[in-house]
C-alpha atoms as a PDB file:
ATOM      1  CA  MET A   1      80.627  90.232  26.015  1.00  0.00           C
ATOM      2  CA  LYS A   2      79.423  93.753  25.462  1.00  0.00           C
ATOM      3  CA  PRO A   3      76.871  93.737  22.560  1.00  0.00           C
ATOM      4  CA  LEU A   4      78.230  96.308  19.752  1.00  0.00           C
ATOM      5  CA  ALA A   5      76.534  99.334  19.590  1.00  0.00           C
ATOM      6  CA  PRO A   6      75.674 100.622  15.523  1.00  0.00           C
ATOM      7  CA  VAL A   7      76.244 104.228  13.820  1.00  0.00           C
ATOM      8  CA  ILE A   8      73.314 106.215  13.189  1.00  0.00           C
ATOM      9  CA  VAL A   9      73.682 107.457   9.499  1.00  0.00           C
ATOM     10  CA  GLU A  10      70.258 108.739   9.090  1.00  0.00           C
ATOM     11  CA  GLU A  11      67.697 109.578  11.722  1.00  0.00           C
ATOM     12  CA  TRP A  12      64.127 110.869  10.782  1.00  0.00           C
ATOM     13  CA  GLU A  13      60.580 110.837  12.180  1.00  0.00           C
ATOM     14  CA  ALA A  14      58.914 107.566  11.540  1.00  0.00           C
ATOM     15  CA  HIS A  15      55.644 107.306   9.290  1.00  0.00           C
ATOM     16  CA  PHE A  16      53.852 104.556  11.151  1.00  0.00           C
ATOM     17  CA  GLY A  17      51.095 102.623   9.010  1.00  0.00           C
ATOM     18  CA  THR A  18      47.916 101.145  11.045  1.00  0.00           C
ATOM     19  CA  PRO A  19      47.852  97.247  12.013  1.00  0.00           C
ATOM     20  CA  ASN A  20      45.637  95.220   9.620  1.00  0.00           C
ATOM     21  CA  THR A  21      44.005  92.255  11.316  1.00  0.00           C
ATOM     22  CA  GLU A  22      41.736  91.439   8.277  1.00  0.00           C
ATOM     23  CA  GLN A  23      43.721  90.760   5.512  1.00  0.00           C
ATOM     24  CA  MET A  24      47.069  89.004   4.815  1.00  0.00           C
ATOM     25  CA  ALA A  25      50.294  90.744   4.329  1.00  0.00           C
ATOM     26  CA  SER A  26      51.446  91.047   0.379  1.00  0.00           C
ATOM     27  CA  ALA A  27      54.958  91.845  -0.671  1.00  0.00           C
ATOM     28  CA  PRO A  28      54.359  94.881  -3.342  1.00  0.00           C
ATOM     29  CA  TRP A  29      56.828  92.923  -5.293  1.00  0.00           C
ATOM     30  CA  SER A  30      54.934  89.585  -5.383  1.00  0.00           C
ATOM     31  CA  LYS A  31      53.808  89.958  -9.134  1.00  0.00           C
ATOM     32  CA  THR A  32      56.436  91.997 -10.444  1.00  0.00           C
ATOM     33  CA  GLU A  33      58.303  90.372 -13.258  1.00  0.00           C
ATOM     34  CA  GLU A  34      61.948  89.232 -12.269  1.00  0.00           C
ATOM     35  CA  GLY A  35      63.747  91.295 -14.436  1.00  0.00           C
ATOM     36  CA  PRO A  36      67.532  90.810 -15.259  1.00  0.00           C
ATOM     37  CA  VAL A  37      69.435  89.350 -12.064  1.00  0.00           C
ATOM     38  CA  LYS A  38      71.538  92.008 -10.333  1.00  0.00           C
ATOM     39  CA  GLN A  39      74.745  91.440  -8.902  1.00  0.00           C
ATOM     40  CA  SER A  40      74.278  93.664  -5.601  1.00  0.00           C
ATOM     41  CA  PRO A  41      77.053  93.802  -3.406  1.00  0.00           C
ATOM     42  CA  PRO A  42      77.178  91.546  -0.089  1.00  0.00           C
ATOM     43  CA  PRO A  43      75.456  93.217   3.047  1.00  0.00           C
ATOM     44  CA  ASP A  44      77.400  96.257   3.831  1.00  0.00           C
ATOM     45  CA  GLY A  45      76.186  96.377   7.604  1.00  0.00           C
ATOM     46  CA  THR A  46      73.462  98.658   7.035  1.00  0.00           C
ATOM     47  CA  VAL A  47      70.208  97.893   8.294  1.00  0.00           C
ATOM     48  CA  ALA A  48      66.915  99.814   9.413  1.00  0.00           C
ATOM     49  CA  ASN A  49      65.574 100.148  12.523  1.00  0.00           C
ATOM     50  CA  ALA A  50      62.308 101.839  14.347  1.00  0.00           C
ATOM     51  CA  LEU A  51      62.623 102.343  17.681  1.00  0.00           C
ATOM     52  CA  ASP A  52      61.076 105.597  19.992  1.00  0.00           C
ATOM     53  CA  GLY A  53      59.296 107.016  17.112  1.00  0.00           C
ATOM     54  CA  LYS A  54      62.199 107.352  14.667  1.00  0.00           C
ATOM     55  CA  PHE A  55      63.285 105.671  11.934  1.00  0.00           C
ATOM     56  CA  ARG A  56      67.047 105.002  11.492  1.00  0.00           C
ATOM     57  CA  LEU A  57      69.411 104.102   9.331  1.00  0.00           C
ATOM     58  CA  LEU A  58      72.184 102.036  11.010  1.00  0.00           C
ATOM     59  CA  ARG A  59      75.511 100.942   9.929  1.00  0.00           C
ATOM     60  CA  TYR A  60      77.322  98.180  12.123  1.00  0.00           C
ATOM     61  CA  ASP A  61      81.063  97.216  11.672  1.00  0.00           C
ATOM     62  CA  LEU A  62      80.964  94.216  10.114  1.00  0.00           C
ATOM     63  CA  ASP A  63      84.166  92.625  11.713  1.00  0.00           C
ATOM     64  CA  GLY A  64      83.466  94.236  15.074  1.00  0.00           C
ATOM     65  CA  LEU A  65      79.805  92.566  14.829  1.00  0.00           C
ATOM     66  CA  GLY A  66      81.574  88.989  13.574  1.00  0.00           C
ATOM     67  CA  ALA A  67      83.819  89.184  16.672  1.00  0.00           C
ATOM     68  CA  VAL A  68      81.051  89.646  18.978  1.00  0.00           C
ATOM     69  CA  ALA A  69      79.259  86.908  17.617  1.00  0.00           C
ATOM     70  CA  SER A  70      82.295  84.469  17.893  1.00  0.00           C
ATOM     71  CA  LYS A  71      82.642  85.025  21.587  1.00  0.00           C
ATOM     72  CA  LEU A  72      78.658  85.032  21.872  1.00  0.00           C
ATOM     73  CA  VAL A  73      77.843  81.791  20.463  1.00  0.00           C
ATOM     74  CA  PRO A  74      80.114  79.273  22.630  1.00  0.00           C
ATOM     75  CA  LEU A  75      77.905  80.762  25.471  1.00  0.00           C
ATOM     76  CA  GLY A  76      74.950  79.463  23.955  1.00  0.00           C
ATOM     77  CA  VAL A  77      73.515  82.774  21.987  1.00  0.00           C
ATOM     78  CA  ALA A  78      72.213  80.877  19.193  1.00  0.00           C
ATOM     79  CA  GLU A  79      70.906  77.827  21.002  1.00  0.00           C
ATOM     80  CA  PRO A  80      67.024  77.006  21.275  1.00  0.00           C
ATOM     81  CA  THR A  81      65.582  77.177  24.528  1.00  0.00           C
ATOM     82  CA  PRO A  82      62.160  75.198  25.582  1.00  0.00           C
ATOM     83  CA  PRO A  83      60.172  76.577  28.310  1.00  0.00           C
ATOM     84  CA  ASP A  84      61.210  74.048  30.900  1.00  0.00           C
ATOM     85  CA  ARG A  85      64.503  75.670  30.960  1.00  0.00           C
ATOM     86  CA  ILE A  86      63.488  79.337  30.693  1.00  0.00           C
ATOM     87  CA  ALA A  87      62.420  79.508  35.039  1.00  0.00           C
ATOM     88  CA  ALA A  88      66.107  77.764  35.890  1.00  0.00           C
ATOM     89  CA  GLU A  89      67.837  80.889  34.111  1.00  0.00           C
ATOM     90  CA  PRO A  90      68.671  83.986  35.453  1.00  0.00           C
ATOM     91  CA  THR A  91      66.868  86.510  33.007  1.00  0.00           C
ATOM     92  CA  SER A  92      70.138  88.232  32.605  1.00  0.00           C
ATOM     93  CA  SER A  93      72.052  85.319  31.313  1.00  0.00           C
ATOM     94  CA  VAL A  94      72.507  85.500  27.489  1.00  0.00           C
ATOM     95  CA  GLN A  95      70.637  82.646  25.837  1.00  0.00           C
ATOM     96  CA  GLY A  96      70.753  82.458  23.221  1.00  0.00           C
ATOM     97  CA  TRP A  97      53.979  87.173   2.535  1.00  0.00           C
ATOM     98  CA  SER A  98      52.235  86.871   1.725  1.00  0.00           C
ATOM     99  CA  ALA A  99      51.325  87.139  -1.771  1.00  0.00           C
ATOM    100  CA  ASN A 100      49.993  83.147  -2.108  1.00  0.00           C
ATOM    101  CA  TYR A 101      52.172  80.666  -1.569  1.00  0.00           C
ATOM    102  CA  ALA A 102      51.918  77.850  -3.691  1.00  0.00           C
ATOM    103  CA  GLN A 103      51.881  73.922  -2.807  1.00  0.00           C
ATOM    104  CA  GLY A 104      54.705  72.276  -4.095  1.00  0.00           C
ATOM    105  CA  ASN A 105      53.529  70.378  -7.400  1.00  0.00           C
ATOM    106  CA  GLY A 106      50.163  71.436  -6.859  1.00  0.00           C
ATOM    107  CA  VAL A 107      49.625  69.092  -3.793  1.00  0.00           C
ATOM    108  CA  ASP A 108      49.248  70.495  -0.483  1.00  0.00           C
ATOM    109  CA  ASN A 109      50.043  68.172   2.215  1.00  0.00           C
ATOM    110  CA  ARG A 110      49.516  70.279   5.263  1.00  0.00           C
ATOM    111  CA  ILE A 111      47.826  69.691   8.294  1.00  0.00           C
ATOM    112  CA  ASN A 112      46.315  71.047  11.162  1.00  0.00           C
ATOM    113  CA  LEU A 113      49.057  71.316  14.139  1.00  0.00           C
ATOM    114  CA  SER A 114      46.835  72.864  16.631  1.00  0.00           C
ATOM    115  CA  SER A 115      46.863  69.736  18.734  1.00  0.00           C
ATOM    116  CA  ALA A 116      50.614  68.873  18.188  1.00  0.00           C
ATOM    117  CA  THR A 117      52.525  68.979  21.354  1.00  0.00           C
ATOM    118  CA  GLY A 118      56.024  69.623  20.395  1.00  0.00           C
ATOM    119  CA  TRP A 119      57.325  72.712  22.504  1.00  0.00           C
ATOM    120  CA  GLN A 120      58.881  74.036  19.086  1.00  0.00           C
ATOM    121  CA  LEU A 121      55.150  74.602  17.391  1.00  0.00           C
ATOM    122  CA  LYS A 122      54.407  76.814  20.690  1.00  0.00           C
ATOM    123  CA  THR A 123      57.239  79.552  19.527  1.00  0.00           C
ATOM    124  CA  ILE A 124      55.354  80.255  16.411  1.00  0.00           C
ATOM    125  CA  GLY A 125      52.792  82.657  16.398  1.00  0.00           C
ATOM    126  CA  ARG A 126      50.545  85.121  14.052  1.00  0.00           C
ATOM    127  CA  LEU A 127      52.014  88.746  13.593  1.00  0.00           C
ATOM    128  CA  TRP A 128      49.470  91.368  12.633  1.00  0.00           C
ATOM    129  CA  ALA A 129      51.510  94.230  11.342  1.00  0.00           C
ATOM    130  CA  SER A 130      51.213  95.299   7.705  1.00  0.00           C
ATOM    131  CA  GLY A 131      48.633  92.367   7.311  1.00  0.00           C
ATOM    132  CA  GLY A 132      48.172  88.763   8.932  1.00  0.00           C
ATOM    133  CA  CYS A 133      51.951  86.972   8.739  1.00  0.00           C
ATOM    134  CA  THR A 134      53.787  84.264  10.725  1.00  0.00           C
ATOM    135  CA  ALA A 135      56.720  85.146  13.284  1.00  0.00           C
ATOM    136  CA  THR A 136      58.633  82.681  15.557  1.00  0.00           C
ATOM    137  CA  PHE A 137      60.715  83.742  18.787  1.00  0.00           C
ATOM    138  CA  PHE A 138      64.738  83.271  18.605  1.00  0.00           C
ATOM    139  CA  GLY A 139      65.023  85.124  21.912  1.00  0.00           C
ATOM    140  CA  ARG A 140      62.971  85.988  24.878  1.00  0.00           C
ATOM    141  CA  ARG A 141      61.438  89.191  23.551  1.00  0.00           C
ATOM    142  CA  LEU A 142      62.736  88.708  19.393  1.00  0.00           C
ATOM    143  CA  LEU A 143      61.329  87.435  16.886  1.00  0.00           C
ATOM    144  CA  ILE A 144      62.195  86.659  13.327  1.00  0.00           C
ATOM    145  CA  THR A 145      59.883  87.353  10.076  1.00  0.00           C
ATOM    146  CA  ALA A 146      60.020  89.099   6.801  1.00  0.00           C
ATOM    147  CA  ALA A 147      60.018  92.642   6.188  1.00  0.00           C
ATOM    148  CA  HIS A 148      56.855  92.958   3.604  1.00  0.00           C
ATOM    149  CA  CYS A 149      54.986  91.935   7.292  1.00  0.00           C
ATOM    150  CA  ILE A 150      55.860  94.612   8.397  1.00  0.00           C
ATOM    151  CA  ILE A 151      56.624  97.449   5.765  1.00  0.00           C
ATOM    152  CA  ASN A 152      53.273  98.456   3.899  1.00  0.00           C
ATOM    153  CA  PRO A 153      53.376  98.726   0.180  1.00  0.00           C
ATOM    154  CA  ALA A 154      53.484 102.960   0.943  1.00  0.00           C
ATOM    155  CA  GLY A 155      57.046 102.194   2.675  1.00  0.00           C
ATOM    156  CA  ASN A 156      55.773 102.534   6.082  1.00  0.00           C
ATOM    157  CA  TYR A 157      56.507 100.861   9.179  1.00  0.00           C
ATOM    158  CA  VAL A 158      53.709  99.094  10.963  1.00  0.00           C
ATOM    159  CA  PRO A 159      54.647  98.141  14.847  1.00  0.00           C
ATOM    160  CA  GLY A 160      51.638  95.629  15.495  1.00  0.00           C
ATOM    161  CA  THR A 161      50.943  92.950  17.598  1.00  0.00           C
ATOM    162  CA  PHE A 162      52.165  89.064  18.131  1.00  0.00           C
ATOM    163  CA  ILE A 163      50.058  86.358  19.854  1.00  0.00           C
ATOM    164  CA  PRO A 164      52.510  83.431  20.644  1.00  0.00           C
ATOM    165  CA  ALA A 165      50.748  79.858  19.619  1.00  0.00           C
ATOM    166  CA  VAL A 166      47.600  81.189  19.214  1.00  0.00           C
ATOM    167  CA  ASN A 167      44.825  78.256  18.479  1.00  0.00           C
ATOM    168  CA  GLY A 168      41.572  79.696  17.398  1.00  0.00           C
ATOM    169  CA  ALA A 169      39.934  81.725  19.864  1.00  0.00           C
ATOM    170  CA  SER A 170      42.867  80.713  22.581  1.00  0.00           C
ATOM    171  CA  ALA A 171      45.897  82.420  23.300  1.00  0.00           C
ATOM    172  CA  PRO A 172      47.986  80.580  26.383  1.00  0.00           C
ATOM    173  CA  PHE A 173      50.901  83.188  26.164  1.00  0.00           C
ATOM    174  CA  GLY A 174      48.808  86.569  25.618  1.00  0.00           C
ATOM    175  CA  GLN A 175      49.148  89.312  23.070  1.00  0.00           C
ATOM    176  CA  HIS A 176      52.609  91.326  22.741  1.00  0.00           C
ATOM    177  CA  SER A 177      53.170  94.809  21.491  1.00  0.00           C
ATOM    178  CA  VAL A 178      56.097  94.821  18.932  1.00  0.00           C
ATOM    179  CA  ILE A 179      58.029  98.165  20.247  1.00  0.00           C
ATOM    180  CA  GLY A 180      61.197  97.691  17.926  1.00  0.00           C
ATOM    181  CA  ALA A 181      62.464  96.102  14.413  1.00  0.00           C
ATOM    182  CA  TRP A 182      65.301  95.850  12.033  1.00  0.00           C
ATOM    183  CA  TRP A 183      65.152  94.846   8.385  1.00  0.00           C
ATOM    184  CA  GLY A 184      67.291  95.041   5.241  1.00  0.00           C
ATOM    185  CA  GLY A 185      68.262  98.466   4.817  1.00  0.00           C
ATOM    186  CA  ASN A 186      67.602  98.893   1.142  1.00  0.00           C
ATOM    187  CA  TYR A 187      63.955  97.287   1.572  1.00  0.00           C
ATOM    188  CA  ILE A 188      61.924 100.456   1.513  1.00  0.00           C
ATOM    189  CA  SER A 189      63.958 102.224  -1.073  1.00  0.00           C
ATOM    190  CA  LYS A 190      63.869  99.370  -3.747  1.00  0.00           C
ATOM    191  CA  CYS A 191      60.871  97.403  -2.556  1.00  0.00           C
ATOM    192  CA  THR A 192      57.937 100.015  -1.792  1.00  0.00           C
ATOM    193  CA  GLY A 193      56.624 103.224  -2.709  1.00  0.00           C
ATOM    194  CA  GLY A 194      56.111 102.232  -6.418  1.00  0.00           C
ATOM    195  CA  ALA A 195      59.532 100.578  -7.051  1.00  0.00           C
ATOM    196  CA  PRO A 196      60.085  98.371  -9.539  1.00  0.00           C
ATOM    197  CA  GLY A 197      60.593  95.686  -6.787  1.00  0.00           C
ATOM    198  CA  TYR A 198      62.579  92.786  -8.651  1.00  0.00           C
ATOM    199  CA  TRP A 199      62.694  89.544  -6.695  1.00  0.00           C
ATOM    200  CA  ALA A 200      66.283  89.922  -7.171  1.00  0.00           C
ATOM    201  CA  ASP A 201      66.742  93.180  -5.005  1.00  0.00           C
ATOM    202  CA  CYS A 202      63.829  92.699  -3.383  1.00  0.00           C
ATOM    203  CA  VAL A 203      63.959  88.720  -1.431  1.00  0.00           C
ATOM    204  CA  LYS A 204      67.736  89.460  -0.302  1.00  0.00           C
ATOM    205  CA  GLU A 205      66.153  92.867   1.917  1.00  0.00           C
ATOM    206  CA  ASP A 206      62.816  90.637   2.697  1.00  0.00           C
ATOM    207  CA  TRP A 207      63.675  89.800   6.645  1.00  0.00           C
ATOM    208  CA  ALA A 208      63.061  91.505   9.995  1.00  0.00           C
ATOM    209  CA  LEU A 209      63.872  91.347  13.447  1.00  0.00           C
ATOM    210  CA  LEU A 210      61.437  92.571  15.727  1.00  0.00           C
ATOM    211  CA  LEU A 211      61.332  93.299  19.315  1.00  0.00           C
ATOM    212  CA  LEU A 212      58.668  92.838  22.018  1.00  0.00           C
ATOM    213  CA  ALA A 213      57.728  94.642  25.274  1.00  0.00           C
ATOM    214  CA  ASP A 214      59.280  93.127  28.156  1.00  0.00           C
ATOM    215  CA  SER A 215      55.984  91.625  29.797  1.00  0.00           C
ATOM    216  CA  PHE A 216      54.744  87.791  29.581  1.00  0.00           C
ATOM    217  CA  PRO A 217      53.057  87.612  32.474  1.00  0.00           C
ATOM    218  CA  MET A 218      50.932  84.309  31.010  1.00  0.00           C
ATOM    219  CA  GLY A 219      54.392  83.013  30.648  1.00  0.00           C
ATOM    220  CA  HIS A 220      56.778  82.059  27.702  1.00  0.00           C
ATOM    221  CA  PRO A 221      56.554  79.202  24.859  1.00  0.00           C
ATOM    222  CA  GLY A 222      60.721  79.527  24.985  1.00  0.00           C
ATOM    223  CA  TRP A 223      62.415  80.047  21.360  1.00  0.00           C
ATOM    224  CA  LEU A 224      64.220  78.278  18.410  1.00  0.00           C
ATOM    225  CA  GLY A 225      67.637  78.556  17.922  1.00  0.00           C
ATOM    226  CA  PHE A 226      69.167  80.224  14.811  1.00  0.00           C
ATOM    227  CA  ALA A 227      71.757  79.197  12.492  1.00  0.00           C
ATOM    228  CA  TRP A 228      74.173  80.418   9.105  1.00  0.00           C
ATOM    229  CA  LEU A 229      73.925  77.031   7.258  1.00  0.00           C
ATOM    230  CA  SER A 230      76.270  76.041   4.240  1.00  0.00           C
ATOM    231  CA  GLN A 231      74.668  75.380   1.036  1.00  0.00           C
ATOM    232  CA  GLY A 232      75.306  71.279   1.696  1.00  0.00           C
ATOM    233  CA  ASP A 233      73.435  71.725   4.889  1.00  0.00           C
ATOM    234  CA  ILE A 234      70.590  73.708   3.072  1.00  0.00           C
ATOM    235  CA  GLN A 235      69.950  70.902   0.977  1.00  0.00           C
ATOM    236  CA  GLY A 236      70.875  67.886   2.715  1.00  0.00           C
ATOM    237  CA  TRP A 237      69.516  68.643   6.140  1.00  0.00           C
ATOM    238  CA  PRO A 238      65.400  68.109   7.082  1.00  0.00           C
ATOM    239  CA  LYS A 239      63.510  71.229   6.342  1.00  0.00           C
ATOM    240  CA  PHE A 240      60.301  72.058   8.101  1.00  0.00           C
ATOM    241  CA  SER A 241      58.192  75.633   7.812  1.00  0.00           C
ATOM    242  CA  ASN A 242      55.121  75.974   9.750  1.00  0.00           C
ATOM    243  CA  GLY A 243      52.731  79.053   9.838  1.00  0.00           C
ATOM    244  CA  TYR A 244      49.207  80.311  10.095  1.00  0.00           C
ATOM    245  CA  PRO A 245      47.268  80.798   6.705  1.00  0.00           C
ATOM    246  CA  GLY A 246      44.681  83.026   5.887  1.00  0.00           C
ATOM    247  CA  CYS A 247      41.531  80.671   5.798  1.00  0.00           C
ATOM    248  CA  TYR A 248      39.447  82.610   2.831  1.00  0.00           C
ATOM    249  CA  GLU A 249      42.445  83.563   1.183  1.00  0.00           C
ATOM    250  CA  ASN A 250      43.807  81.598  -2.293  1.00  0.00           C
ATOM    251  CA  ASN A 251      45.537  78.211  -1.595  1.00  0.00           C
ATOM    252  CA  SER A 252      44.180  77.723   2.164  1.00  0.00           C
ATOM    253  CA  PRO A 253      44.761  73.950   3.383  1.00  0.00           C
ATOM    254  CA  ALA A 254      41.642  71.787   3.262  1.00  0.00           C
ATOM    255  CA  ASN A 255      38.853  72.177   5.969  1.00  0.00           C
ATOM    256  CA  CYS A 256      40.930  75.376   6.933  1.00  0.00           C
ATOM    257  CA  GLN A 257      39.955  76.400  10.636  1.00  0.00           C
ATOM    258  CA  PRO A 258      40.920  80.183  10.985  1.00  0.00           C
ATOM    259  CA  GLU A 259      43.935  81.267  13.682  1.00  0.00           C
ATOM    260  CA  ARG A 260      45.609  77.672  13.790  1.00  0.00           C
ATOM    261  CA  LEU A 261      48.919  76.408  13.063  1.00  0.00           C
ATOM    262  CA  TYR A 262      49.367  74.217   9.440  1.00  0.00           C
ATOM    263  CA  GLY A 263      52.125  72.629   8.368  1.00  0.00           C
ATOM    264  CA  GLN A 264      53.960  69.406   7.127  1.00  0.00           C
ATOM    265  CA  LEU A 265      54.901  65.813   8.696  1.00  0.00           C
ATOM    266  CA  PHE A 266      57.770  65.573   7.000  1.00  0.00           C
ATOM    267  CA  GLY A 267      60.629  67.630   5.565  1.00  0.00           C
ATOM    268  CA  CYS A 268      60.704  69.503   2.688  1.00  0.00           C
ATOM    269  CA  SER A 269      62.063  69.149  -0.725  1.00  0.00           C
ATOM    270  CA  PHE A 270      65.172  71.508  -2.213  1.00  0.00           C
ATOM    271  CA  GLY A 271      64.623  73.554  -5.472  1.00  0.00           C
ATOM    272  CA  GLU A 272      67.604  75.448  -6.357  1.00  0.00           C
ATOM    273  CA  PHE A 273      69.924  78.392  -4.550  1.00  0.00           C
ATOM    274  CA  ARG A 274      69.102  81.993  -6.057  1.00  0.00           C
ATOM    275  CA  TYR A 275      69.893  85.674  -6.237  1.00  0.00           C
ATOM    276  CA  PRO A 276      74.014  85.687  -5.289  1.00  0.00           C
ATOM    277  CA  PHE A 277      75.382  89.178  -3.579  1.00  0.00           C
ATOM    278  CA  GLY A 278      78.196  90.619  -5.200  1.00  0.00           C
ATOM    279  CA  ASP A 279      80.897  88.055  -3.581  1.00  0.00           C
ATOM    280  CA  GLY A 280      78.513  85.175  -5.109  1.00  0.00           C
ATOM    281  CA  PHE A 281      76.856  84.421  -1.542  1.00  0.00           C
ATOM    282  CA  TYR A 282      73.603  82.967  -2.517  1.00  0.00           C
ATOM    283  CA  SER A 283      71.226  84.737  -0.689  1.00  0.00           C
ATOM    284  CA  SER A 284      68.151  82.825  -1.195  1.00  0.00           C
ATOM    285  CA  PHE A 285      66.648  79.371  -1.958  1.00  0.00           C
ATOM    286  CA  THR A 286      63.796  77.852  -3.342  1.00  0.00           C
ATOM    287  CA  HIS A 287      62.016  74.498  -1.817  1.00  0.00           C
ATOM    288  CA  GLY A 288      58.503  72.812  -1.540  1.00  0.00           C
ATOM    289  CA  CYS A 289      57.238  73.468   1.434  1.00  0.00           C
ATOM    290  CA  ASP A 290      53.598  73.757   1.030  1.00  0.00           C
ATOM    291  CA  ASN A 291      52.434  77.225   2.221  1.00  0.00           C
ATOM    292  CA  GLY A 292      49.138  79.600   2.060  1.00  0.00           C
ATOM    293  CA  PRO A 293      48.958  83.111   2.468  1.00  0.00           C
ATOM    294  CA  GLY A 294      49.625  84.509   6.012  1.00  0.00           C
ATOM    295  CA  HIS A 295      52.456  82.163   6.265  1.00  0.00           C
ATOM    296  CA  SER A 296      54.932  85.045   5.119  1.00  0.00           C
ATOM    297  CA  GLY A 297      57.574  85.599   7.604  1.00  0.00           C
ATOM    298  CA  SER A 298      57.570  81.948   9.206  1.00  0.00           C
ATOM    299  CA  GLY A 299      61.028  80.349  10.066  1.00  0.00           C
ATOM    300  CA  MET A 300      62.407  77.736   8.277  1.00  0.00           C
ATOM    301  CA  TYR A 301      64.206  75.528  11.211  1.00  0.00           C
ATOM    302  CA  THR A 302      65.846  72.411  10.596  1.00  0.00           C
ATOM    303  CA  THR A 303      66.889  69.534  13.184  1.00  0.00           C
ATOM    304  CA  GLY A 304      70.028  69.072  11.720  1.00  0.00           C
ATOM    305  CA  LEU A 305      72.120  70.238  14.683  1.00  0.00           C
ATOM    306  CA  GLY A 306      70.336  68.129  17.177  1.00  0.00           C
ATOM    307  CA  SER A 307      67.848  70.717  17.886  1.00  0.00           C
ATOM    308  CA  PHE A 308      65.348  73.467  16.341  1.00  0.00           C
ATOM    309  CA  HIS A 309      67.342  75.605  14.557  1.00  0.00           C
ATOM    310  CA  ILE A 310      65.922  78.676  12.348  1.00  0.00           C
ATOM    311  CA  PHE A 311      67.753  79.307   8.688  1.00  0.00           C
ATOM    312  CA  GLY A 312      65.333  80.885   6.541  1.00  0.00           C
ATOM    313  CA  VAL A 313      62.210  82.907   6.395  1.00  0.00           C
ATOM    314  CA  ALA A 314      59.334  82.749   4.184  1.00  0.00           C
ATOM    315  CA  SER A 315      59.405  85.195   1.424  1.00  0.00           C
ATOM    316  CA  VAL A 316      57.499  84.676  -1.756  1.00  0.00           C
ATOM    317  CA  GLN A 317      56.357  82.499  -4.892  1.00  0.00           C
ATOM    318  CA  GLN A 318      56.815  81.565  -8.028  1.00  0.00           C
ATOM    319  CA  CYS A 319      53.181  80.198  -9.119  1.00  0.00           C
ATOM    320  CA  THR A 320      49.747  80.015  -6.769  1.00  0.00           C
ATOM    321  CA  THR A 321      48.171  76.923  -7.693  1.00  0.00           C
ATOM    322  CA  CYS A 322      51.147  75.000  -9.792  1.00  0.00           C
ATOM    323  CA  THR A 323      49.311  73.200 -11.971  1.00  0.00           C
ATOM    324  CA  VAL A 324      50.838  72.401 -15.326  1.00  0.00           C
ATOM    325  CA  ALA A 325      48.790  75.028 -16.979  1.00  0.00           C
ATOM    326  CA  GLU A 326      49.799  77.823 -14.815  1.00  0.00           C
ATOM    327  CA  GLN A 327      53.201  76.868 -14.655  1.00  0.00           C
ATOM    328  CA  PRO A 328      54.310  74.424 -17.521  1.00  0.00           C
ATOM    329  CA  ASN A 329      58.091  74.572 -15.428  1.00  0.00           C
ATOM    330  CA  SER A 330      57.715  71.129 -13.418  1.00  0.00           C
ATOM    331  CA  SER A 331      61.030  71.990 -11.349  1.00  0.00           C
ATOM    332  CA  VAL A 332      59.132  75.499 -10.591  1.00  0.00           C
ATOM    333  CA  ARG A 333      55.800  73.633  -9.746  1.00  0.00           C
ATOM    334  CA  LEU A 334      58.148  71.102  -7.358  1.00  0.00           C
ATOM    335  CA  ASN A 335      59.406  74.035  -5.675  1.00  0.00           C
ATOM    336  CA  PRO A 336      57.237  77.054  -5.829  1.00  0.00           C
ATOM    337  CA  ASN A 337      58.106  79.183  -3.108  1.00  0.00           C
ATOM    338  CA  ILE A 338      61.377  81.295  -1.995  1.00  0.00           C
ATOM    339  CA  GLU A 339      63.107  81.399   0.915  1.00  0.00           C
ATOM    340  CA  LYS A 340      65.504  84.350   2.274  1.00  0.00           C
ATOM    341  CA  ARG A 341      68.421  82.618   3.677  1.00  0.00           C
ATOM    342  CA  ILE A 342      69.982  83.822   7.223  1.00  0.00           C
ATOM    343  CA  ASP A 343      73.338  84.626   6.050  1.00  0.00           C
ATOM    344  CA  GLY A 344      76.241  85.461   7.983  1.00  0.00           C
ATOM    345  CA  TYR A 345      75.436  89.311   8.483  1.00  0.00           C
ATOM    346  CA  ILE A 346      72.086  88.010   9.749  1.00  0.00           C
ATOM    347  CA  PHE A 347      73.203  85.934  11.977  1.00  0.00           C
ATOM    348  CA  ASN A 348      75.606  88.342  13.819  1.00  0.00           C
ATOM    349  CA  LEU A 349      73.290  90.819  13.998  1.00  0.00           C
ATOM    350  CA  MET A 350      70.553  88.011  15.653  1.00  0.00           C
ATOM    351  CA  ALA A 351      73.556  87.244  17.991  1.00  0.00           C
ATOM    352  CA  ASN A 352      74.115  90.700  18.839  1.00  0.00           C
ATOM    353  CA  LEU A 353      70.612  91.442  19.635  1.00  0.00           C
ATOM    354  CA  ARG A 354      70.327  88.596  22.323  1.00  0.00           C
ATOM    355  CA  ALA A 355      72.825  89.828  23.848  1.00  0.00           C
ATOM    356  CA  THR A 356      71.313  93.459  23.931  1.00  0.00           C
ATOM    357  CA  TYR A 357      68.009  92.022  24.758  1.00  0.00           C
ATOM    358  CA  PRO A 358      68.210  89.012  27.289  1.00  0.00           C
END
């Protein structure tokens, strides 16, 4: 199935920011008052893209993108691929914040997962771009993260580098350059450069898909599947969110060891759906996964489909320590973090990119 090519709406010289390998990325709007909830239209097929030193505003035909995805999904384009399957598959086959995050109810249940053996954990890594974030493989060369991890507060794109499964000073799969990215088409105009940055606008746009250079001399950890889940499945299925905290930042886990993966052993609680598009589809939801600065962009995944499928991206938080003194609202304390949901448009774009960059 031939991938769908987008139409270039605008093209201009890219302004690149400098990678920051010392601080955690911070959403410019993370401390902005929400303001009124705005009824934005549903995704119209517009995304921003940076490749070959250019910024481009792209528009995909939504029906065409959906038609391509409907052909690709039965071929396995959205399914996970553990490392033991990679060598057996021809390379041409289709496979397929960080503001301070909060601890649910003020209790941090994260543990150091660096010695855990599950292959799915090794698909997660440290992204250094606008700051320190987390990203996850959803294809051999493709990552999912948050837009604010690659777009700095001034509105400049920062390509950065990705280190999968980094464990302290050990980088078992090497370090990789990001050579391209796609993100919400309204993110820069609404959420950077002094724009008001209301959560109702920015969380909807706070997603990014990254392309790595095609070089893996130290092997590959595999990649997770991805899914566009119903509200009932999101509420009922197990939910996991693991990431790389900044140990010298607020809300870091107890006895935090730098550049190591942290997360909960049990699934997260669900709060409520937030920020609908104009057609009523809720773009986001709140949850109680314990996170901290550096987890931004981590892919929330579920085992509800029988394996590991990403269905959300860590975006922003509603309180920091989430104590009663800071946040009297008990429902916010229990589920303080806001996740950007993979919607139908993002799902179809991910499928298309998997076919374009196998």
